[in-house]
Amino acid sequence: MYGRRAGEQVLTLEASGALEQASLVMRDRETDSWWSLMESAAIGGPLDGTRLEELPVSEKTTWGAWRAAHPETLVLSVDGREHDETDPYANYFTSDGTFRGMAVADDRLPAKEAVYAFHLDGEAWAVPHAAFEGGAEFPLPDGRVVELRRPEGASIFASSEAWLVEGDGERKRLGGFDTYWYTWVGVNEGSGLLR
């Protein structure tokens, strides 16, 4: 999840209909700039190169888990239908294949390896889910530590929790998100990899 401020301007973000390395590209209504989810930055338009703040507040979950926690939630009904029993993404999530067979040049991980990805001080980082199931710490080159937690055996739909631990022990939530290696590294070439 990203903040909506670009300098002093508050943006209204919406889907653009475009994809970059199989990941959604947003646009803002105010300037018609296009925003990459994988780069946390504008990739076209008047705000090209402007970064958005990654907010550590989003929660990725399944509808069933959300509904159990928030039974009062209302959903859009289309012609009386609220849920489609057929999952158009089932083949994608259960296969090793990438979106439309996209190739990935960086083979440090399998293309469809699930990772937690984040930007920190202008650098891109990724950590494979398997490396921190149940919780783990990863030292950064500057002496700070990234703490990550993820329930063991959780699906890609579960959110990871991340904190940055400063040298003095101060902890703060770290922005970032769960994605696949190929969607992340295809846009963030040379991403750091913590294992």
Foldseek 3Di string as FASTA:
>chain_A
DWAQDQDPDGWDKDFPPDDDLNHTWIATPPFRFIHGPLQQATCDTPRHPGHTHFDLDDWFADPVVVCVVPVVDDADADVNHGDDPDDPCVVVQPDLAGVVRDDAPDVPDRQFFKWWWAADPNAIEIEGPVVAEQKDWFADPVGKIKIKYDHPPDGLRGWIWIWIQDPVRDIDTGGTTMGGNSSNCVVRPPHHYTD
